[in-house]
Amino acid sequence: MDLTLSPIGIIRTPFAEIKGTPVQPSASRGTIGRIELNEDLVAGLSDLDGFSHLILIYHFDRSSGYNLEVLPFMDTQPRGLFATRAPKRPNPIGLSVVKLLRIEGSVLHIENIDVLDGTPLLDIKPYVPQLDQAPEVRIGWMTDKLDLAAVATADERFK
């Protein structure tokens, strides 16, 4: 099966290099960015301004190849790739929940963004806590690592 995806826009952020970029939105609180949506898709933004948060799905375009065992940014022990959020994946797709500040034409102003400037955006979905949160969650090896999520930044291990 062949799969083709086309970016619907570009994510703009203050992060020009992988090294030092926050690895989760929680480490990027207050960081302002914007989405420059393709002009032909602006009609799809109708009613989106009623949501405070968005789920962004994007392409890790500066990531190539992958290993099935990786050393996560927030750990010192190698882990299975699918038990991490590492950017080097068989399908290099990222996901972030951001705060929507406002929409001006084809530009969405956002906050708490944790991706590199110029990242291709694949999709936008509204974040709805009652639909997106799961009850009785286990978080595996990350249980004692959550304090690091608020401060962790990337180095070049997944370049």
N, C-alpha and C. Protein backbone atom coordinates (compact mmCIF):
# COMPACT_ATOMS: atom_id res chain seq x y z
N MET A 1 0.85 -1.17 0.00
CA MET A 1 0.00 0.00 0.00
C MET A 1 0.89 1.24 0.00
N ASP A 2 0.57 2.17 -0.85
CA ASP A 2 1.31 3.43 -0.92
C ASP A 2 0.50 4.49 -0.19
N LEU A 3 1.18 5.34 0.54
CA LEU A 3 0.52 6.39 1.32
C LEU A 3 1.18 7.72 1.00
N THR A 4 0.38 8.70 0.68
CA THR A 4 0.90 10.02 0.39
C THR A 4 0.19 11.04 1.28
N LEU A 5 0.97 11.84 2.01
CA LEU A 5 0.43 12.91 2.83
C LEU A 5 1.03 14.22 2.33
N SER A 6 0.23 15.26 2.38
CA SER A 6 0.71 16.59 2.00
C SER A 6 0.52 17.52 3.17
N PRO A 7 1.51 18.36 3.46
CA PRO A 7 1.37 19.32 4.56
C PRO A 7 0.19 20.26 4.31
N ILE A 8 -0.51 20.60 5.40
CA ILE A 8 -1.60 21.57 5.30
C ILE A 8 -1.12 22.96 5.72
N GLY A 9 0.12 23.03 6.17
CA GLY A 9 0.70 24.30 6.60
C GLY A 9 2.06 24.08 7.21
N ILE A 10 2.59 25.14 7.77
CA ILE A 10 3.92 25.13 8.39
C ILE A 10 3.79 25.64 9.82
N ILE A 11 4.52 25.00 10.74
CA ILE A 11 4.55 25.45 12.13
C ILE A 11 5.76 26.35 12.30
N ARG A 12 5.54 27.54 12.84
CA ARG A 12 6.62 28.51 13.09
C ARG A 12 6.86 28.60 14.59
N THR A 13 8.13 28.47 14.98
CA THR A 13 8.50 28.50 16.40
C THR A 13 9.83 29.23 16.54
N PRO A 14 10.24 29.52 17.77
CA PRO A 14 11.56 30.13 17.97
C PRO A 14 12.70 29.11 17.96
N PHE A 15 12.43 27.84 17.69
CA PHE A 15 13.45 26.80 17.79
C PHE A 15 14.03 26.46 16.42
N ALA A 16 15.23 26.96 16.14
CA ALA A 16 15.87 26.77 14.84
C ALA A 16 16.70 25.49 14.78
N GLU A 17 17.15 24.98 15.92
CA GLU A 17 18.01 23.81 15.95
C GLU A 17 17.43 22.74 16.86
N ILE A 18 17.74 21.50 16.55
CA ILE A 18 17.26 20.39 17.37
C ILE A 18 17.75 20.54 18.81
N LYS A 19 19.04 20.78 18.96
CA LYS A 19 19.61 20.88 20.30
C LYS A 19 18.99 22.07 21.04
N GLY A 20 18.44 21.79 22.22
CA GLY A 20 17.83 22.83 23.04
C GLY A 20 16.33 22.99 22.86
N THR A 21 15.76 22.31 21.87
CA THR A 21 14.31 22.38 21.67
C THR A 21 13.62 21.57 22.76
N PRO A 22 12.57 22.10 23.38
CA PRO A 22 11.85 21.31 24.39
C PRO A 22 11.34 20.01 23.77
N VAL A 23 11.32 18.95 24.59
CA VAL A 23 10.90 17.65 24.06
C VAL A 23 9.43 17.35 24.31
N GLN A 24 8.74 18.21 25.05
CA GLN A 24 7.32 18.06 25.29
C GLN A 24 6.72 19.46 25.47
N PRO A 25 5.43 19.64 25.17
CA PRO A 25 4.81 20.94 25.41
C PRO A 25 4.93 21.40 26.87
N SER A 26 4.98 20.47 27.81
CA SER A 26 5.10 20.86 29.22
C SER A 26 6.43 21.54 29.51
N ALA A 27 7.45 21.30 28.69
CA ALA A 27 8.74 21.96 28.85
C ALA A 27 8.79 23.26 28.05
N SER A 28 7.70 23.59 27.40
CA SER A 28 7.66 24.76 26.53
C SER A 28 6.55 25.72 26.93
N ARG A 29 6.14 25.66 28.20
CA ARG A 29 5.06 26.53 28.69
C ARG A 29 5.37 27.99 28.38
N GLY A 30 4.42 28.65 27.77
CA GLY A 30 4.57 30.07 27.46
C GLY A 30 5.26 30.36 26.14
N THR A 31 5.81 29.34 25.48
CA THR A 31 6.48 29.56 24.19
C THR A 31 5.43 29.80 23.11
N ILE A 32 5.56 30.94 22.46
CA ILE A 32 4.60 31.34 21.43
C ILE A 32 5.08 30.88 20.06
N GLY A 33 4.14 30.41 19.27
CA GLY A 33 4.41 30.03 17.89
C GLY A 33 3.20 30.34 17.04
N ARG A 34 3.26 29.92 15.81
CA ARG A 34 2.11 30.11 14.94
C ARG A 34 2.07 29.02 13.88
N ILE A 35 0.90 28.83 13.37
CA ILE A 35 0.69 27.92 12.26
C ILE A 35 0.31 28.77 11.06
N GLU A 36 1.01 28.57 9.97
CA GLU A 36 0.68 29.24 8.71
C GLU A 36 -0.03 28.19 7.85
N LEU A 37 -1.35 28.24 7.88
CA LEU A 37 -2.17 27.26 7.16
C LEU A 37 -2.20 27.60 5.68
N ASN A 38 -2.22 26.58 4.84
CA ASN A 38 -2.35 26.80 3.41
C ASN A 38 -3.64 27.59 3.16
N GLU A 39 -3.55 28.61 2.35
CA GLU A 39 -4.68 29.52 2.09
C GLU A 39 -5.94 28.80 1.62
N ASP A 40 -5.77 27.75 0.83
CA ASP A 40 -6.94 27.06 0.29
C ASP A 40 -7.69 26.23 1.35
N LEU A 41 -7.17 26.20 2.58
CA LEU A 41 -7.80 25.42 3.65
C LEU A 41 -8.43 26.29 4.73
N VAL A 42 -8.39 27.60 4.57
CA VAL A 42 -8.87 28.53 5.60
C VAL A 42 -10.32 28.28 5.98
N ALA A 43 -11.16 27.91 5.04
CA ALA A 43 -12.58 27.66 5.36
C ALA A 43 -12.73 26.55 6.40
N GLY A 44 -11.75 25.65 6.48
CA GLY A 44 -11.78 24.57 7.46
C GLY A 44 -11.55 25.04 8.89
N LEU A 45 -11.16 26.31 9.07
CA LEU A 45 -10.94 26.86 10.41
C LEU A 45 -12.24 27.34 11.07
N SER A 46 -13.31 27.35 10.31
CA SER A 46 -14.59 27.79 10.85
C SER A 46 -14.93 27.01 12.12
N ASP A 47 -15.28 27.74 13.17
CA ASP A 47 -15.68 27.20 14.48
C ASP A 47 -14.52 26.73 15.35
N LEU A 48 -13.30 26.71 14.83
CA LEU A 48 -12.16 26.25 15.62
C LEU A 48 -11.83 27.21 16.76
N ASP A 49 -12.16 28.49 16.59
CA ASP A 49 -11.85 29.48 17.63
C ASP A 49 -12.63 29.26 18.92
N GLY A 50 -13.59 28.35 18.93
CA GLY A 50 -14.32 28.02 20.14
C GLY A 50 -13.58 27.02 21.03
N PHE A 51 -12.45 26.52 20.56
CA PHE A 51 -11.66 25.55 21.32
C PHE A 51 -10.41 26.24 21.89
N SER A 52 -10.07 25.90 23.12
CA SER A 52 -8.89 26.51 23.75
C SER A 52 -7.60 25.79 23.40
N HIS A 53 -7.68 24.50 23.07
CA HIS A 53 -6.48 23.71 22.79
C HIS A 53 -6.66 22.89 21.51
N LEU A 54 -5.54 22.63 20.87
CA LEU A 54 -5.53 21.88 19.62
C LEU A 54 -4.54 20.73 19.70
N ILE A 55 -4.83 19.69 18.96
CA ILE A 55 -3.88 18.60 18.75
C ILE A 55 -3.25 18.84 17.38
N LEU A 56 -1.94 18.98 17.35
CA LEU A 56 -1.23 19.15 16.09
C LEU A 56 -0.57 17.83 15.73
N ILE A 57 -0.74 17.42 14.50
CA ILE A 57 -0.07 16.22 13.98
C ILE A 57 0.86 16.71 12.88
N TYR A 58 2.13 16.35 13.02
CA TYR A 58 3.13 16.92 12.11
C TYR A 58 4.18 15.89 11.73
N HIS A 59 4.97 16.26 10.74
CA HIS A 59 6.02 15.39 10.20
C HIS A 59 7.37 15.79 10.79
N PHE A 60 8.06 14.83 11.39
CA PHE A 60 9.43 15.06 11.86
C PHE A 60 10.32 15.08 10.62
N ASP A 61 10.32 16.18 9.90
CA ASP A 61 10.98 16.24 8.60
C ASP A 61 12.51 16.27 8.67
N ARG A 62 13.08 16.53 9.82
CA ARG A 62 14.53 16.53 9.95
C ARG A 62 15.04 15.29 10.68
N SER A 63 14.21 14.28 10.68
CA SER A 63 14.55 13.02 11.32
C SER A 63 14.56 11.94 10.25
N SER A 64 15.59 11.10 10.25
CA SER A 64 15.62 10.01 9.28
C SER A 64 16.11 8.74 9.97
N GLY A 65 15.62 7.64 9.50
CA GLY A 65 15.99 6.36 10.08
C GLY A 65 15.42 6.19 11.47
N TYR A 66 15.65 5.05 12.05
CA TYR A 66 15.16 4.78 13.40
C TYR A 66 15.85 3.55 13.93
N ASN A 67 15.81 3.40 15.24
CA ASN A 67 16.26 2.20 15.94
C ASN A 67 15.09 1.72 16.78
N LEU A 68 14.97 0.43 16.94
CA LEU A 68 13.86 -0.10 17.72
C LEU A 68 14.12 -0.02 19.22
N GLU A 69 15.36 0.30 19.60
CA GLU A 69 15.70 0.57 21.00
C GLU A 69 16.39 1.93 21.04
N VAL A 70 15.90 2.81 21.90
CA VAL A 70 16.44 4.17 21.97
C VAL A 70 16.67 4.57 23.43
N LEU A 71 17.50 5.58 23.60
CA LEU A 71 17.73 6.16 24.92
C LEU A 71 16.91 7.45 24.97
N PRO A 72 15.76 7.44 25.66
CA PRO A 72 14.89 8.62 25.69
C PRO A 72 15.58 9.82 26.36
N PHE A 73 15.13 11.02 26.03
CA PHE A 73 15.67 12.23 26.63
C PHE A 73 15.51 12.24 28.14
N MET A 74 14.45 11.64 28.64
CA MET A 74 14.14 11.72 30.06
C MET A 74 14.53 10.45 30.82
N ASP A 75 15.47 9.65 30.27
CA ASP A 75 15.84 8.42 30.95
C ASP A 75 17.31 8.10 30.67
N THR A 76 17.84 7.19 31.44
CA THR A 76 19.23 6.75 31.25
C THR A 76 19.29 5.29 30.84
N GLN A 77 18.14 4.68 30.64
CA GLN A 77 18.06 3.28 30.26
C GLN A 77 17.44 3.17 28.87
N PRO A 78 18.02 2.35 27.99
CA PRO A 78 17.42 2.15 26.67
C PRO A 78 16.00 1.58 26.80
N ARG A 79 15.12 2.02 25.90
CA ARG A 79 13.72 1.60 25.90
C ARG A 79 13.29 1.23 24.49
N GLY A 80 12.25 0.43 24.40
CA GLY A 80 11.68 0.11 23.09
C GLY A 80 11.12 1.37 22.45
N LEU A 81 11.38 1.55 21.18
CA LEU A 81 10.96 2.76 20.47
C LEU A 81 9.50 3.12 20.71
N PHE A 82 8.61 2.13 20.65
CA PHE A 82 7.19 2.42 20.75
C PHE A 82 6.73 2.72 22.18
N ALA A 83 7.65 2.60 23.14
CA ALA A 83 7.37 3.00 24.52
C ALA A 83 7.95 4.38 24.79
N THR A 84 8.31 5.10 23.72
CA THR A 84 8.87 6.45 23.84
C THR A 84 8.17 7.39 22.87
N ARG A 85 8.55 8.66 22.97
CA ARG A 85 8.06 9.66 22.02
C ARG A 85 9.21 10.16 21.14
N ALA A 86 10.22 9.34 20.99
CA ALA A 86 11.39 9.70 20.19
C ALA A 86 10.97 10.07 18.76
N PRO A 87 11.62 11.08 18.17
CA PRO A 87 11.22 11.53 16.84
C PRO A 87 11.67 10.65 15.68
N LYS A 88 12.67 9.81 15.87
CA LYS A 88 13.12 8.92 14.80
C LYS A 88 12.28 7.65 14.86
N ARG A 89 11.33 7.53 13.92
CA ARG A 89 10.34 6.47 13.95
C ARG A 89 10.15 5.90 12.54
N PRO A 90 9.57 4.70 12.42
CA PRO A 90 9.31 4.17 11.08
C PRO A 90 8.47 5.13 10.23
N ASN A 91 7.49 5.78 10.85
CA ASN A 91 6.73 6.87 10.22
C ASN A 91 6.95 8.09 11.12
N PRO A 92 7.80 9.01 10.71
CA PRO A 92 8.18 10.13 11.59
C PRO A 92 7.07 11.16 11.78
N ILE A 93 6.10 10.77 12.61
CA ILE A 93 4.94 11.62 12.87
C ILE A 93 4.98 12.05 14.33
N GLY A 94 4.77 13.34 14.56
CA GLY A 94 4.72 13.89 15.91
C GLY A 94 3.34 14.39 16.25
N LEU A 95 3.10 14.55 17.54
CA LEU A 95 1.81 15.00 18.04
C LEU A 95 2.07 15.90 19.24
N SER A 96 1.43 17.06 19.26
CA SER A 96 1.54 17.99 20.38
C SER A 96 0.18 18.61 20.66
N VAL A 97 -0.10 18.82 21.93
CA VAL A 97 -1.30 19.57 22.34
C VAL A 97 -0.83 20.98 22.68
N VAL A 98 -1.41 21.96 22.00
CA VAL A 98 -1.03 23.36 22.20
C VAL A 98 -2.25 24.20 22.54
N LYS A 99 -2.00 25.37 23.09
CA LYS A 99 -3.08 26.30 23.40
C LYS A 99 -3.31 27.21 22.20
N LEU A 100 -4.56 27.36 21.79
CA LEU A 100 -4.91 28.27 20.71
C LEU A 100 -5.16 29.65 21.30
N LEU A 101 -4.39 30.63 20.87
CA LEU A 101 -4.56 32.00 21.36
C LEU A 101 -5.56 32.78 20.53
N ARG A 102 -5.40 32.70 19.20
CA ARG A 102 -6.33 33.40 18.31
C ARG A 102 -6.06 32.95 16.87
N ILE A 103 -7.01 33.27 16.01
CA ILE A 103 -6.89 32.98 14.58
C ILE A 103 -7.02 34.29 13.83
N GLU A 104 -6.07 34.55 12.94
CA GLU A 104 -6.11 35.74 12.08
C GLU A 104 -5.93 35.28 10.64
N GLY A 105 -7.02 35.16 9.93
CA GLY A 105 -6.97 34.69 8.55
C GLY A 105 -6.47 33.26 8.49
N SER A 106 -5.32 33.06 7.84
CA SER A 106 -4.76 31.72 7.71
C SER A 106 -3.70 31.43 8.78
N VAL A 107 -3.56 32.32 9.75
CA VAL A 107 -2.55 32.16 10.79
C VAL A 107 -3.21 31.85 12.14
N LEU A 108 -2.77 30.77 12.75
CA LEU A 108 -3.22 30.39 14.09
C LEU A 108 -2.10 30.71 15.05
N HIS A 109 -2.37 31.53 16.03
CA HIS A 109 -1.38 31.87 17.05
C HIS A 109 -1.54 30.87 18.19
N ILE A 110 -0.43 30.24 18.56
CA ILE A 110 -0.48 29.15 19.53
C ILE A 110 0.54 29.36 20.63
N GLU A 111 0.38 28.59 21.71
CA GLU A 111 1.29 28.67 22.85
C GLU A 111 1.62 27.25 23.31
N ASN A 112 2.79 27.11 23.94
CA ASN A 112 3.29 25.83 24.47
C ASN A 112 3.73 24.90 23.35
N ILE A 113 4.36 25.45 22.34
CA ILE A 113 4.79 24.67 21.18
C ILE A 113 6.20 24.12 21.40
N ASP A 114 6.42 22.90 20.99
CA ASP A 114 7.67 22.19 21.26
C ASP A 114 8.30 21.58 20.00
N VAL A 115 8.14 22.21 18.86
CA VAL A 115 8.69 21.65 17.62
C VAL A 115 9.63 22.65 16.95
N LEU A 116 10.39 22.15 16.00
CA LEU A 116 11.33 22.99 15.27
C LEU A 116 10.60 23.93 14.31
N ASP A 117 11.17 25.10 14.12
CA ASP A 117 10.62 26.06 13.17
C ASP A 117 10.61 25.45 11.77
N GLY A 118 9.52 25.64 11.06
CA GLY A 118 9.40 25.14 9.69
C GLY A 118 8.89 23.72 9.59
N THR A 119 8.45 23.14 10.69
CA THR A 119 7.94 21.77 10.68
C THR A 119 6.64 21.69 9.87
N PRO A 120 6.54 20.74 8.94
CA PRO A 120 5.32 20.59 8.15
C PRO A 120 4.16 20.06 9.01
N LEU A 121 3.04 20.75 8.95
CA LEU A 121 1.85 20.36 9.69
C LEU A 121 1.00 19.45 8.81
N LEU A 122 0.58 18.31 9.38
CA LEU A 122 -0.23 17.35 8.63
C LEU A 122 -1.71 17.47 8.94
N ASP A 123 -2.05 17.82 10.20
CA ASP A 123 -3.46 17.93 10.56
C ASP A 123 -3.62 18.69 11.86
N ILE A 124 -4.81 19.21 12.08
CA ILE A 124 -5.21 19.91 13.31
C ILE A 124 -6.51 19.27 13.77
N LYS A 125 -6.58 18.97 15.05
CA LYS A 125 -7.82 18.46 15.62
C LYS A 125 -8.09 19.21 16.92
N PRO A 126 -9.35 19.44 17.25
CA PRO A 126 -9.64 20.10 18.52
C PRO A 126 -9.37 19.14 19.68
N TYR A 127 -8.81 19.65 20.75
CA TYR A 127 -8.58 18.86 21.96
C TYR A 127 -9.83 18.97 22.83
N VAL A 128 -10.40 17.83 23.20
CA VAL A 128 -11.59 17.77 24.04
C VAL A 128 -11.28 16.82 25.20
N PRO A 129 -11.06 17.34 26.40
CA PRO A 129 -10.63 16.48 27.51
C PRO A 129 -11.52 15.26 27.72
N GLN A 130 -12.81 15.43 27.63
CA GLN A 130 -13.72 14.31 27.87
C GLN A 130 -13.58 13.21 26.82
N LEU A 131 -13.07 13.55 25.66
CA LEU A 131 -12.88 12.56 24.60
C LEU A 131 -11.44 12.07 24.52
N ASP A 132 -10.50 12.92 24.92
CA ASP A 132 -9.09 12.62 24.72
C ASP A 132 -8.36 12.08 25.94
N GLN A 133 -8.95 12.18 27.10
CA GLN A 133 -8.32 11.65 28.30
C GLN A 133 -8.87 10.27 28.60
N ALA A 134 -7.98 9.38 28.97
CA ALA A 134 -8.38 8.02 29.32
C ALA A 134 -8.36 7.85 30.83
N PRO A 135 -9.37 7.17 31.39
CA PRO A 135 -9.35 6.93 32.84
C PRO A 135 -8.37 5.81 33.19
N GLU A 136 -7.94 5.79 34.43
CA GLU A 136 -7.08 4.72 34.94
C GLU A 136 -5.86 4.48 34.06
N VAL A 137 -5.07 5.50 33.87
CA VAL A 137 -3.91 5.46 33.00
C VAL A 137 -2.67 4.96 33.75
N ARG A 138 -1.88 4.13 33.07
CA ARG A 138 -0.54 3.74 33.56
C ARG A 138 0.45 4.39 32.61
N ILE A 139 1.58 4.85 33.13
CA ILE A 139 2.55 5.51 32.26
C ILE A 139 3.92 4.84 32.30
N GLY A 140 3.94 3.56 32.62
CA GLY A 140 5.15 2.74 32.49
C GLY A 140 6.40 3.34 33.10
N TRP A 141 7.49 3.26 32.35
CA TRP A 141 8.79 3.72 32.83
C TRP A 141 8.82 5.22 33.11
N MET A 142 7.84 5.97 32.62
CA MET A 142 7.83 7.43 32.82
C MET A 142 7.28 7.83 34.20
N THR A 143 6.80 6.87 34.97
CA THR A 143 6.17 7.17 36.26
C THR A 143 7.01 8.09 37.13
N ASP A 144 8.30 7.84 37.23
CA ASP A 144 9.15 8.68 38.08
C ASP A 144 9.96 9.71 37.28
N LYS A 145 9.57 9.95 36.05
CA LYS A 145 10.30 10.89 35.19
C LYS A 145 9.52 12.17 34.87
N LEU A 146 8.30 12.31 35.35
CA LEU A 146 7.45 13.43 34.95
C LEU A 146 8.03 14.79 35.33
N ASP A 147 8.81 14.89 36.39
CA ASP A 147 9.44 16.17 36.73
C ASP A 147 10.38 16.63 35.62
N LEU A 148 11.00 15.68 34.94
CA LEU A 148 11.91 16.02 33.84
C LEU A 148 11.17 16.55 32.62
N ALA A 149 9.92 16.15 32.44
CA ALA A 149 9.15 16.57 31.26
C ALA A 149 8.99 18.08 31.19
N ALA A 150 9.01 18.74 32.35
CA ALA A 150 8.83 20.19 32.38
C ALA A 150 10.11 20.95 32.04
N VAL A 151 11.24 20.26 31.95
CA VAL A 151 12.51 20.96 31.70
C VAL A 151 13.36 20.31 30.61
N ALA A 152 12.99 19.13 30.14
CA ALA A 152 13.82 18.39 29.19
C ALA A 152 13.88 19.09 27.83
N THR A 153 15.10 19.17 27.30
CA THR A 153 15.29 19.69 25.96
C THR A 153 16.09 18.67 25.15
N ALA A 154 15.99 18.79 23.85
CA ALA A 154 16.64 17.84 22.96
C ALA A 154 18.15 18.08 22.88
N ASP A 155 18.85 16.99 22.68
CA ASP A 155 20.25 17.08 22.28
C ASP A 155 20.27 16.54 20.85
N GLU A 156 21.37 16.06 20.37
CA GLU A 156 21.43 15.64 18.98
C GLU A 156 21.33 14.14 18.79
N ARG A 157 20.87 13.40 19.81
CA ARG A 157 20.84 11.94 19.69
C ARG A 157 19.87 11.43 18.64
N PHE A 158 18.84 12.19 18.26
CA PHE A 158 17.88 11.73 17.27
C PHE A 158 17.99 12.50 15.96
N LYS A 159 19.12 13.13 15.75
CA LYS A 159 19.33 13.91 14.53
C LYS A 159 19.39 13.01 13.33
